N, C-alpha and C. Protein backbone atom coordinates (compact mmCIF):
# COMPACT_ATOMS: atom_id res chain seq x y z
N ASN A 1 0.80 -1.21 0.00
CA ASN A 1 0.00 0.00 0.00
C ASN A 1 0.84 1.27 0.00
N MET A 2 2.14 1.13 -0.17
CA MET A 2 3.01 2.31 -0.23
C MET A 2 2.96 2.90 -1.64
N ARG A 3 3.23 4.19 -1.70
CA ARG A 3 3.42 4.88 -2.96
C ARG A 3 4.53 5.88 -2.75
N VAL A 4 5.22 6.23 -3.83
CA VAL A 4 6.25 7.24 -3.80
C VAL A 4 6.00 8.17 -4.98
N LEU A 5 6.08 9.46 -4.73
CA LEU A 5 5.84 10.43 -5.79
C LEU A 5 6.99 11.41 -5.81
N ASN A 6 7.57 11.59 -6.98
CA ASN A 6 8.63 12.57 -7.17
C ASN A 6 8.11 13.69 -8.04
N ALA A 7 8.53 14.91 -7.72
CA ALA A 7 8.09 16.08 -8.48
C ALA A 7 9.24 17.06 -8.63
N HIS A 8 9.15 17.85 -9.69
CA HIS A 8 10.04 19.00 -9.84
C HIS A 8 9.15 20.23 -9.99
N VAL A 9 9.45 21.26 -9.17
CA VAL A 9 8.72 22.52 -9.20
C VAL A 9 9.71 23.59 -9.64
N ASP A 10 9.36 24.32 -10.69
CA ASP A 10 10.33 25.27 -11.27
C ASP A 10 10.49 26.53 -10.41
N LYS A 11 11.39 27.40 -10.86
CA LYS A 11 11.71 28.60 -10.10
C LYS A 11 10.54 29.57 -10.00
N ASN A 12 9.50 29.36 -10.81
CA ASN A 12 8.28 30.17 -10.74
C ASN A 12 7.20 29.48 -9.90
N HIS A 13 7.58 28.44 -9.18
CA HIS A 13 6.70 27.70 -8.27
C HIS A 13 5.59 26.94 -9.01
N GLN A 14 5.88 26.50 -10.23
CA GLN A 14 4.92 25.73 -11.02
C GLN A 14 5.43 24.29 -11.13
N VAL A 15 4.57 23.34 -10.82
CA VAL A 15 4.93 21.93 -10.93
C VAL A 15 5.10 21.60 -12.41
N LYS A 16 6.26 21.04 -12.76
CA LYS A 16 6.55 20.74 -14.16
C LYS A 16 6.68 19.25 -14.43
N MET A 17 6.92 18.44 -13.40
CA MET A 17 7.05 17.00 -13.61
C MET A 17 6.62 16.27 -12.36
N MET A 18 5.86 15.17 -12.55
CA MET A 18 5.48 14.31 -11.44
C MET A 18 5.50 12.87 -11.93
N CYS A 19 5.93 11.99 -11.04
CA CYS A 19 5.98 10.57 -11.35
C CYS A 19 5.60 9.80 -10.09
N LEU A 20 4.62 8.91 -10.23
CA LEU A 20 4.13 8.12 -9.11
C LEU A 20 4.59 6.67 -9.28
N GLY A 21 5.10 6.11 -8.21
CA GLY A 21 5.52 4.72 -8.23
C GLY A 21 4.85 3.93 -7.11
N HIS A 22 4.74 2.63 -7.35
CA HIS A 22 4.14 1.71 -6.37
C HIS A 22 5.24 0.75 -5.90
N PRO A 23 5.82 1.00 -4.72
CA PRO A 23 6.82 0.08 -4.20
C PRO A 23 6.22 -1.31 -3.97
N LEU A 24 6.88 -2.32 -4.52
CA LEU A 24 6.38 -3.69 -4.39
C LEU A 24 7.08 -4.46 -3.28
N LEU A 25 8.34 -4.12 -3.03
CA LEU A 25 9.11 -4.74 -1.94
C LEU A 25 9.95 -3.67 -1.26
N GLU A 26 10.11 -3.85 0.05
CA GLU A 26 11.00 -2.98 0.82
C GLU A 26 12.12 -3.82 1.42
N ASP A 27 13.21 -3.19 1.71
CA ASP A 27 14.37 -3.89 2.27
C ASP A 27 14.07 -4.32 3.70
N PRO A 28 14.24 -5.61 4.02
CA PRO A 28 13.95 -6.09 5.38
C PRO A 28 15.13 -5.92 6.35
N ASP A 29 16.29 -5.57 5.83
CA ASP A 29 17.48 -5.43 6.68
C ASP A 29 17.23 -4.32 7.71
N PRO A 30 17.50 -4.57 9.00
CA PRO A 30 17.25 -3.55 10.03
C PRO A 30 17.91 -2.20 9.73
N ILE A 31 19.04 -2.22 9.06
CA ILE A 31 19.71 -0.96 8.71
C ILE A 31 18.98 -0.23 7.60
N ALA A 32 18.24 -0.94 6.77
CA ALA A 32 17.65 -0.34 5.57
C ALA A 32 16.12 -0.41 5.54
N ILE A 33 15.49 -0.70 6.65
CA ILE A 33 14.03 -0.80 6.67
C ILE A 33 13.42 0.48 6.11
N GLY A 34 12.45 0.30 5.24
CA GLY A 34 11.77 1.44 4.64
C GLY A 34 12.33 1.83 3.28
N ASN A 35 13.50 1.31 2.92
CA ASN A 35 14.05 1.58 1.60
C ASN A 35 13.40 0.65 0.59
N TYR A 36 12.99 1.21 -0.52
CA TYR A 36 12.32 0.42 -1.55
C TYR A 36 13.33 -0.40 -2.33
N MET A 37 12.91 -1.61 -2.72
CA MET A 37 13.76 -2.49 -3.52
C MET A 37 13.20 -2.70 -4.92
N VAL A 38 11.90 -2.53 -5.08
CA VAL A 38 11.24 -2.72 -6.36
C VAL A 38 10.10 -1.70 -6.45
N ILE A 39 10.03 -0.98 -7.56
CA ILE A 39 8.95 -0.01 -7.76
C ILE A 39 8.36 -0.22 -9.15
N ALA A 40 7.05 -0.36 -9.18
CA ALA A 40 6.32 -0.46 -10.44
C ALA A 40 5.63 0.89 -10.69
N PRO A 41 5.29 1.16 -11.92
CA PRO A 41 4.63 2.44 -12.22
C PRO A 41 3.20 2.48 -11.67
N ASP A 42 2.74 3.67 -11.42
CA ASP A 42 1.36 3.87 -10.98
C ASP A 42 0.90 5.21 -11.56
N TYR A 43 -0.37 5.44 -11.52
CA TYR A 43 -0.93 6.69 -12.06
C TYR A 43 -2.21 7.01 -11.32
N ASP A 44 -2.34 8.25 -10.86
CA ASP A 44 -3.56 8.69 -10.21
C ASP A 44 -3.67 10.20 -10.41
N GLU A 45 -4.47 10.60 -11.36
CA GLU A 45 -4.58 12.03 -11.71
C GLU A 45 -5.06 12.86 -10.53
N LYS A 46 -6.00 12.34 -9.74
CA LYS A 46 -6.49 13.09 -8.58
C LYS A 46 -5.35 13.36 -7.59
N LEU A 47 -4.52 12.36 -7.36
CA LEU A 47 -3.37 12.54 -6.46
C LEU A 47 -2.40 13.56 -7.05
N TYR A 48 -2.15 13.46 -8.35
CA TYR A 48 -1.27 14.44 -8.99
C TYR A 48 -1.81 15.86 -8.81
N GLN A 49 -3.10 16.05 -9.00
CA GLN A 49 -3.69 17.38 -8.85
C GLN A 49 -3.59 17.88 -7.42
N THR A 50 -3.78 16.98 -6.45
CA THR A 50 -3.67 17.35 -5.04
C THR A 50 -2.25 17.79 -4.69
N VAL A 51 -1.27 17.01 -5.13
CA VAL A 51 0.13 17.34 -4.84
C VAL A 51 0.51 18.64 -5.54
N GLN A 52 0.10 18.80 -6.78
CA GLN A 52 0.42 20.03 -7.51
C GLN A 52 -0.17 21.25 -6.80
N ALA A 53 -1.43 21.16 -6.40
CA ALA A 53 -2.06 22.29 -5.71
C ALA A 53 -1.32 22.62 -4.41
N PHE A 54 -0.94 21.61 -3.66
CA PHE A 54 -0.20 21.83 -2.41
C PHE A 54 1.13 22.52 -2.66
N LEU A 55 1.93 21.98 -3.58
CA LEU A 55 3.26 22.54 -3.84
C LEU A 55 3.19 23.97 -4.36
N GLU A 56 2.23 24.22 -5.22
CA GLU A 56 2.11 25.57 -5.77
C GLU A 56 1.56 26.55 -4.74
N LYS A 57 0.69 26.09 -3.86
CA LYS A 57 0.13 26.97 -2.83
C LYS A 57 1.20 27.43 -1.84
N ILE A 58 2.15 26.58 -1.53
CA ILE A 58 3.20 26.96 -0.57
C ILE A 58 4.40 27.59 -1.26
N ASN A 59 4.29 27.86 -2.57
CA ASN A 59 5.37 28.48 -3.36
C ASN A 59 6.67 27.69 -3.28
N TYR A 60 6.54 26.39 -3.37
CA TYR A 60 7.69 25.49 -3.31
C TYR A 60 8.51 25.61 -4.59
N THR A 61 9.82 25.35 -4.47
CA THR A 61 10.73 25.30 -5.62
C THR A 61 11.69 24.15 -5.41
N GLY A 62 11.94 23.38 -6.46
CA GLY A 62 12.95 22.33 -6.41
C GLY A 62 12.35 20.94 -6.51
N MET A 63 13.14 19.97 -6.07
CA MET A 63 12.71 18.57 -6.08
C MET A 63 11.86 18.29 -4.84
N ALA A 64 10.91 17.40 -5.00
CA ALA A 64 10.10 16.95 -3.87
C ALA A 64 9.90 15.45 -4.01
N ASN A 65 10.06 14.75 -2.91
CA ASN A 65 9.92 13.30 -2.86
C ASN A 65 8.95 12.97 -1.73
N PHE A 66 7.78 12.42 -2.09
CA PHE A 66 6.74 12.12 -1.11
C PHE A 66 6.67 10.62 -0.84
N ASP A 67 6.55 10.26 0.42
CA ASP A 67 6.22 8.89 0.81
C ASP A 67 4.75 8.92 1.21
N ILE A 68 3.99 8.01 0.62
CA ILE A 68 2.54 8.04 0.74
C ILE A 68 2.04 6.63 1.03
N LYS A 69 1.00 6.54 1.82
CA LYS A 69 0.31 5.26 2.07
C LYS A 69 -1.04 5.33 1.40
N TYR A 70 -1.41 4.26 0.73
CA TYR A 70 -2.74 4.15 0.13
C TYR A 70 -3.62 3.33 1.06
N ASP A 71 -4.77 3.87 1.43
CA ASP A 71 -5.72 3.17 2.28
C ASP A 71 -6.77 2.53 1.39
N ALA A 72 -6.66 1.23 1.18
CA ALA A 72 -7.57 0.51 0.29
C ALA A 72 -9.01 0.51 0.82
N ARG A 73 -9.18 0.68 2.11
CA ARG A 73 -10.54 0.69 2.68
C ARG A 73 -11.31 1.93 2.26
N THR A 74 -10.61 3.07 2.17
CA THR A 74 -11.28 4.33 1.86
C THR A 74 -10.95 4.85 0.46
N GLY A 75 -9.91 4.28 -0.16
CA GLY A 75 -9.48 4.77 -1.46
C GLY A 75 -8.73 6.09 -1.37
N GLU A 76 -8.27 6.44 -0.18
CA GLU A 76 -7.58 7.71 0.03
C GLU A 76 -6.09 7.48 0.26
N TYR A 77 -5.34 8.52 -0.02
CA TYR A 77 -3.90 8.51 0.23
C TYR A 77 -3.61 9.30 1.50
N LYS A 78 -2.64 8.83 2.25
CA LYS A 78 -2.17 9.51 3.45
C LYS A 78 -0.70 9.85 3.25
N MET A 79 -0.41 11.13 3.15
CA MET A 79 0.98 11.55 2.98
C MET A 79 1.61 11.67 4.35
N PHE A 80 2.79 11.05 4.49
CA PHE A 80 3.42 11.14 5.80
C PHE A 80 4.82 11.69 5.75
N GLU A 81 5.34 11.99 4.57
CA GLU A 81 6.66 12.59 4.53
C GLU A 81 6.89 13.23 3.17
N MET A 82 7.52 14.40 3.20
CA MET A 82 7.97 15.05 1.98
C MET A 82 9.43 15.43 2.18
N ASN A 83 10.27 14.94 1.30
CA ASN A 83 11.69 15.26 1.34
C ASN A 83 12.00 16.29 0.27
N PRO A 84 12.79 17.32 0.58
CA PRO A 84 13.12 18.35 -0.41
C PRO A 84 14.32 17.94 -1.27
N ARG A 85 14.26 16.73 -1.79
CA ARG A 85 15.37 16.17 -2.57
C ARG A 85 14.88 14.94 -3.31
N GLN A 86 15.72 14.42 -4.16
CA GLN A 86 15.43 13.12 -4.75
C GLN A 86 15.63 12.06 -3.68
N GLY A 87 14.79 11.06 -3.69
CA GLY A 87 14.93 9.97 -2.74
C GLY A 87 15.93 8.93 -3.24
N ARG A 88 16.27 7.99 -2.37
CA ARG A 88 17.23 6.94 -2.70
C ARG A 88 16.78 6.14 -3.92
N SER A 89 15.50 5.94 -4.05
CA SER A 89 14.99 5.12 -5.14
C SER A 89 14.44 5.95 -6.29
N SER A 90 14.78 7.22 -6.34
CA SER A 90 14.22 8.10 -7.37
C SER A 90 14.66 7.74 -8.79
N TYR A 91 15.60 6.84 -8.91
CA TYR A 91 16.00 6.41 -10.25
C TYR A 91 14.83 5.72 -10.97
N PHE A 92 13.80 5.32 -10.22
CA PHE A 92 12.63 4.71 -10.88
C PHE A 92 12.02 5.68 -11.88
N VAL A 93 12.16 6.99 -11.63
CA VAL A 93 11.63 8.00 -12.56
C VAL A 93 12.43 7.97 -13.85
N THR A 94 13.75 7.94 -13.73
CA THR A 94 14.62 7.88 -14.91
C THR A 94 14.40 6.56 -15.65
N ALA A 95 14.24 5.48 -14.91
CA ALA A 95 14.00 4.17 -15.53
C ALA A 95 12.73 4.19 -16.38
N ALA A 96 11.77 5.02 -16.00
CA ALA A 96 10.53 5.14 -16.76
C ALA A 96 10.67 6.13 -17.92
N GLY A 97 11.86 6.70 -18.08
CA GLY A 97 12.10 7.58 -19.22
C GLY A 97 12.02 9.07 -18.93
N TYR A 98 12.02 9.44 -17.66
CA TYR A 98 11.90 10.85 -17.28
C TYR A 98 13.06 11.20 -16.35
N ASN A 99 14.10 11.76 -16.89
CA ASN A 99 15.29 12.09 -16.11
C ASN A 99 15.02 13.31 -15.23
N LEU A 100 14.98 13.10 -13.92
CA LEU A 100 14.69 14.20 -12.99
C LEU A 100 15.66 15.37 -13.14
N SER A 101 16.89 15.07 -13.40
CA SER A 101 17.89 16.14 -13.52
C SER A 101 17.62 17.05 -14.71
N GLN A 102 16.99 16.51 -15.74
CA GLN A 102 16.69 17.30 -16.93
C GLN A 102 15.86 18.53 -16.58
N TRP A 103 14.82 18.33 -15.74
CA TRP A 103 13.96 19.46 -15.38
C TRP A 103 14.73 20.50 -14.59
N LEU A 104 15.57 20.07 -13.69
CA LEU A 104 16.36 21.00 -12.88
C LEU A 104 17.33 21.80 -13.75
N VAL A 105 18.06 21.12 -14.61
CA VAL A 105 19.04 21.79 -15.47
C VAL A 105 18.36 22.76 -16.42
N GLU A 106 17.29 22.30 -17.07
CA GLU A 106 16.60 23.18 -18.03
C GLU A 106 15.96 24.39 -17.34
N ASP A 107 15.50 24.22 -16.13
CA ASP A 107 14.87 25.32 -15.39
C ASP A 107 15.91 26.31 -14.87
N VAL A 108 16.88 25.82 -14.13
CA VAL A 108 17.80 26.69 -13.41
C VAL A 108 18.97 27.17 -14.27
N LEU A 109 19.55 26.29 -15.06
CA LEU A 109 20.74 26.66 -15.83
C LEU A 109 20.43 27.17 -17.23
N GLU A 110 19.47 26.52 -17.89
CA GLU A 110 19.19 26.89 -19.27
C GLU A 110 17.99 27.83 -19.41
N HIS A 111 17.27 28.06 -18.34
CA HIS A 111 16.11 28.96 -18.32
C HIS A 111 15.09 28.62 -19.40
N LYS A 112 14.87 27.32 -19.61
CA LYS A 112 13.90 26.87 -20.60
C LYS A 112 12.55 26.66 -19.93
N PRO A 113 11.50 27.18 -20.53
CA PRO A 113 10.18 26.89 -19.99
C PRO A 113 9.80 25.44 -20.29
N ALA A 114 9.03 24.84 -19.42
CA ALA A 114 8.63 23.45 -19.61
C ALA A 114 7.13 23.31 -19.42
N GLU A 115 6.57 22.36 -20.13
CA GLU A 115 5.16 22.02 -19.95
C GLU A 115 5.05 21.06 -18.78
N ARG A 116 3.88 20.98 -18.18
CA ARG A 116 3.64 20.01 -17.11
C ARG A 116 3.69 18.60 -17.70
N THR A 117 4.51 17.77 -17.12
CA THR A 117 4.65 16.38 -17.55
C THR A 117 4.27 15.46 -16.41
N VAL A 118 3.39 14.53 -16.71
CA VAL A 118 3.01 13.51 -15.74
C VAL A 118 3.47 12.18 -16.31
N ALA A 119 4.36 11.52 -15.59
CA ALA A 119 4.92 10.27 -16.08
C ALA A 119 3.82 9.22 -16.23
N ASN A 120 3.85 8.54 -17.36
CA ASN A 120 2.85 7.50 -17.57
C ASN A 120 3.41 6.31 -18.35
N ARG A 121 4.73 6.20 -18.40
CA ARG A 121 5.35 5.06 -19.07
C ARG A 121 5.59 3.95 -18.06
N GLU A 122 5.45 2.73 -18.52
CA GLU A 122 5.63 1.59 -17.62
C GLU A 122 7.08 1.14 -17.60
N SER A 123 7.59 0.95 -16.40
CA SER A 123 8.94 0.42 -16.22
C SER A 123 9.05 -0.11 -14.80
N LEU A 124 9.69 -1.23 -14.66
CA LEU A 124 9.91 -1.83 -13.35
C LEU A 124 11.32 -1.48 -12.91
N TRP A 125 11.44 -0.73 -11.80
CA TRP A 125 12.74 -0.39 -11.24
C TRP A 125 13.04 -1.37 -10.11
N MET A 126 14.29 -1.85 -10.09
CA MET A 126 14.65 -2.78 -9.02
C MET A 126 16.10 -2.59 -8.60
N ILE A 127 16.31 -2.89 -7.35
CA ILE A 127 17.66 -2.90 -6.80
C ILE A 127 17.95 -4.28 -6.23
N ALA A 128 16.94 -5.15 -6.26
CA ALA A 128 17.06 -6.53 -5.80
C ALA A 128 17.14 -7.45 -7.01
N PRO A 129 17.80 -8.59 -6.88
CA PRO A 129 17.78 -9.57 -7.98
C PRO A 129 16.35 -10.02 -8.26
N TYR A 130 16.06 -10.32 -9.52
CA TYR A 130 14.70 -10.67 -9.87
C TYR A 130 14.22 -11.94 -9.15
N GLY A 131 15.13 -12.84 -8.82
CA GLY A 131 14.76 -14.03 -8.06
C GLY A 131 14.18 -13.69 -6.71
N VAL A 132 14.69 -12.64 -6.08
CA VAL A 132 14.17 -12.18 -4.79
C VAL A 132 12.74 -11.67 -4.97
N ILE A 133 12.52 -10.96 -6.06
CA ILE A 133 11.17 -10.45 -6.34
C ILE A 133 10.20 -11.62 -6.50
N ARG A 134 10.58 -12.60 -7.32
CA ARG A 134 9.70 -13.76 -7.54
C ARG A 134 9.43 -14.51 -6.23
N LYS A 135 10.43 -14.58 -5.37
CA LYS A 135 10.28 -15.34 -4.13
C LYS A 135 9.43 -14.61 -3.09
N TYR A 136 9.61 -13.30 -2.96
CA TYR A 136 8.99 -12.59 -1.85
C TYR A 136 7.79 -11.72 -2.19
N LEU A 137 7.54 -11.47 -3.45
CA LEU A 137 6.37 -10.68 -3.82
C LEU A 137 5.15 -11.60 -3.78
N ARG A 138 4.32 -11.46 -2.77
CA ARG A 138 3.23 -12.40 -2.49
C ARG A 138 1.93 -12.09 -3.23
N ASP A 139 1.73 -10.85 -3.62
CA ASP A 139 0.48 -10.48 -4.28
C ASP A 139 0.52 -10.96 -5.74
N PRO A 140 -0.36 -11.90 -6.12
CA PRO A 140 -0.33 -12.48 -7.47
C PRO A 140 -0.50 -11.44 -8.58
N ALA A 141 -1.35 -10.44 -8.36
CA ALA A 141 -1.57 -9.42 -9.40
C ALA A 141 -0.31 -8.56 -9.58
N LEU A 142 0.33 -8.19 -8.49
CA LEU A 142 1.56 -7.39 -8.58
C LEU A 142 2.70 -8.20 -9.18
N LEU A 143 2.78 -9.47 -8.82
CA LEU A 143 3.80 -10.34 -9.39
C LEU A 143 3.57 -10.50 -10.89
N ALA A 144 2.33 -10.64 -11.31
CA ALA A 144 2.02 -10.75 -12.74
C ALA A 144 2.41 -9.47 -13.46
N GLN A 145 2.17 -8.31 -12.84
CA GLN A 145 2.58 -7.04 -13.44
C GLN A 145 4.10 -6.97 -13.57
N ALA A 146 4.81 -7.35 -12.51
CA ALA A 146 6.27 -7.34 -12.54
C ALA A 146 6.79 -8.31 -13.61
N ASN A 147 6.21 -9.50 -13.68
CA ASN A 147 6.64 -10.48 -14.68
C ASN A 147 6.40 -9.97 -16.10
N ALA A 148 5.26 -9.33 -16.32
CA ALA A 148 4.95 -8.81 -17.65
C ALA A 148 5.94 -7.72 -18.05
N LEU A 149 6.24 -6.82 -17.13
CA LEU A 149 7.20 -5.75 -17.43
C LEU A 149 8.58 -6.32 -17.71
N LYS A 150 8.98 -7.32 -16.92
CA LYS A 150 10.29 -7.96 -17.13
C LYS A 150 10.31 -8.64 -18.49
N LYS A 151 9.26 -9.37 -18.82
CA LYS A 151 9.19 -10.09 -20.09
C LYS A 151 9.25 -9.12 -21.28
N GLN A 152 8.64 -7.95 -21.14
CA GLN A 152 8.64 -6.94 -22.19
C GLN A 152 9.95 -6.15 -22.25
N GLY A 153 10.85 -6.42 -21.31
CA GLY A 153 12.12 -5.69 -21.27
C GLY A 153 11.98 -4.28 -20.72
N LYS A 154 10.89 -4.01 -20.04
CA LYS A 154 10.64 -2.69 -19.47
C LYS A 154 11.06 -2.67 -18.01
N CYS A 155 12.34 -2.89 -17.79
CA CYS A 155 12.83 -2.90 -16.41
C CYS A 155 14.24 -2.33 -16.37
N ALA A 156 14.59 -1.84 -15.21
CA ALA A 156 15.93 -1.28 -15.01
C ALA A 156 16.41 -1.73 -13.64
N HIS A 157 17.57 -2.35 -13.64
CA HIS A 157 18.18 -2.78 -12.38
C HIS A 157 19.30 -1.80 -12.06
N GLN A 158 19.12 -1.06 -10.99
CA GLN A 158 20.04 0.03 -10.67
C GLN A 158 21.46 -0.43 -10.39
N LEU A 159 21.61 -1.63 -9.86
CA LEU A 159 22.96 -2.10 -9.53
C LEU A 159 23.60 -2.91 -10.66
N TYR A 160 22.86 -3.16 -11.72
CA TYR A 160 23.40 -3.97 -12.80
C TYR A 160 23.29 -3.17 -14.09
N CYS A 161 24.27 -2.35 -14.31
CA CYS A 161 24.30 -1.46 -15.46
C CYS A 161 25.50 -1.84 -16.32
N LYS A 162 25.26 -2.07 -17.61
CA LYS A 162 26.35 -2.53 -18.47
C LYS A 162 27.53 -1.57 -18.50
N GLU A 163 27.27 -0.28 -18.30
CA GLU A 163 28.37 0.70 -18.29
C GLU A 163 29.26 0.56 -17.05
N ASP A 164 28.76 -0.09 -16.02
CA ASP A 164 29.52 -0.25 -14.78
C ASP A 164 30.12 -1.64 -14.61
N ARG A 165 30.09 -2.44 -15.66
CA ARG A 165 30.57 -3.82 -15.53
C ARG A 165 32.07 -3.89 -15.27
N ASN A 166 32.40 -4.57 -14.18
CA ASN A 166 33.79 -4.96 -13.91
C ASN A 166 33.74 -6.02 -12.83
N LEU A 167 34.80 -6.79 -12.71
CA LEU A 167 34.82 -7.94 -11.82
C LEU A 167 34.58 -7.55 -10.36
N LYS A 168 35.24 -6.51 -9.88
CA LYS A 168 35.11 -6.11 -8.49
C LYS A 168 33.65 -5.74 -8.16
N ARG A 169 33.02 -4.98 -9.04
CA ARG A 169 31.62 -4.60 -8.82
C ARG A 169 30.71 -5.83 -8.85
N TRP A 170 30.95 -6.74 -9.78
CA TRP A 170 30.12 -7.94 -9.89
C TRP A 170 30.25 -8.80 -8.61
N LEU A 171 31.46 -8.95 -8.09
CA LEU A 171 31.66 -9.72 -6.86
C LEU A 171 30.94 -9.04 -5.69
N TRP A 172 31.04 -7.71 -5.61
CA TRP A 172 30.34 -6.97 -4.55
C TRP A 172 28.84 -7.21 -4.67
N TYR A 173 28.32 -7.14 -5.89
CA TYR A 173 26.89 -7.32 -6.12
C TYR A 173 26.44 -8.73 -5.71
N LEU A 174 27.20 -9.74 -6.08
CA LEU A 174 26.84 -11.11 -5.73
C LEU A 174 26.83 -11.32 -4.23
N ARG A 175 27.77 -10.65 -3.55
CA ARG A 175 27.83 -10.75 -2.10
C ARG A 175 26.58 -10.20 -1.47
């Protein structure tokens, strides 16, 4: 029932990018409890409108990372944290084809105006091996979604990037 939403608000206090993710697994290690290990895409226009109205009302500028709980009984979201930065798992936005840094650079350095973008591309972001996902993701519908995205090649593993391949990194990863 967790959700994570990342946003970029430009220097004129206008929300220019939002991306909602549905964390499927969290890290069980006591040192890392609460860190997401797998995020699937999600979309909720009403939630996007609520977050946009809030950020613009308080004249916010910059990156915003929200941790949200979805209450299936009421169909409502409960926001319990907003970080003024990209979160640890914010690469899920880039994995879906929306580079968070692009909005910041174009706004602050290049002074380019941007249209409001709401992420809606499907991509499975993971930091855990896929075998862990298959083993521990208990919800059949979510597992089917993850399997479909993997089968379609719409996934990104943050720790397994071909540009970073070398023996030392691979041994660290296997450990």
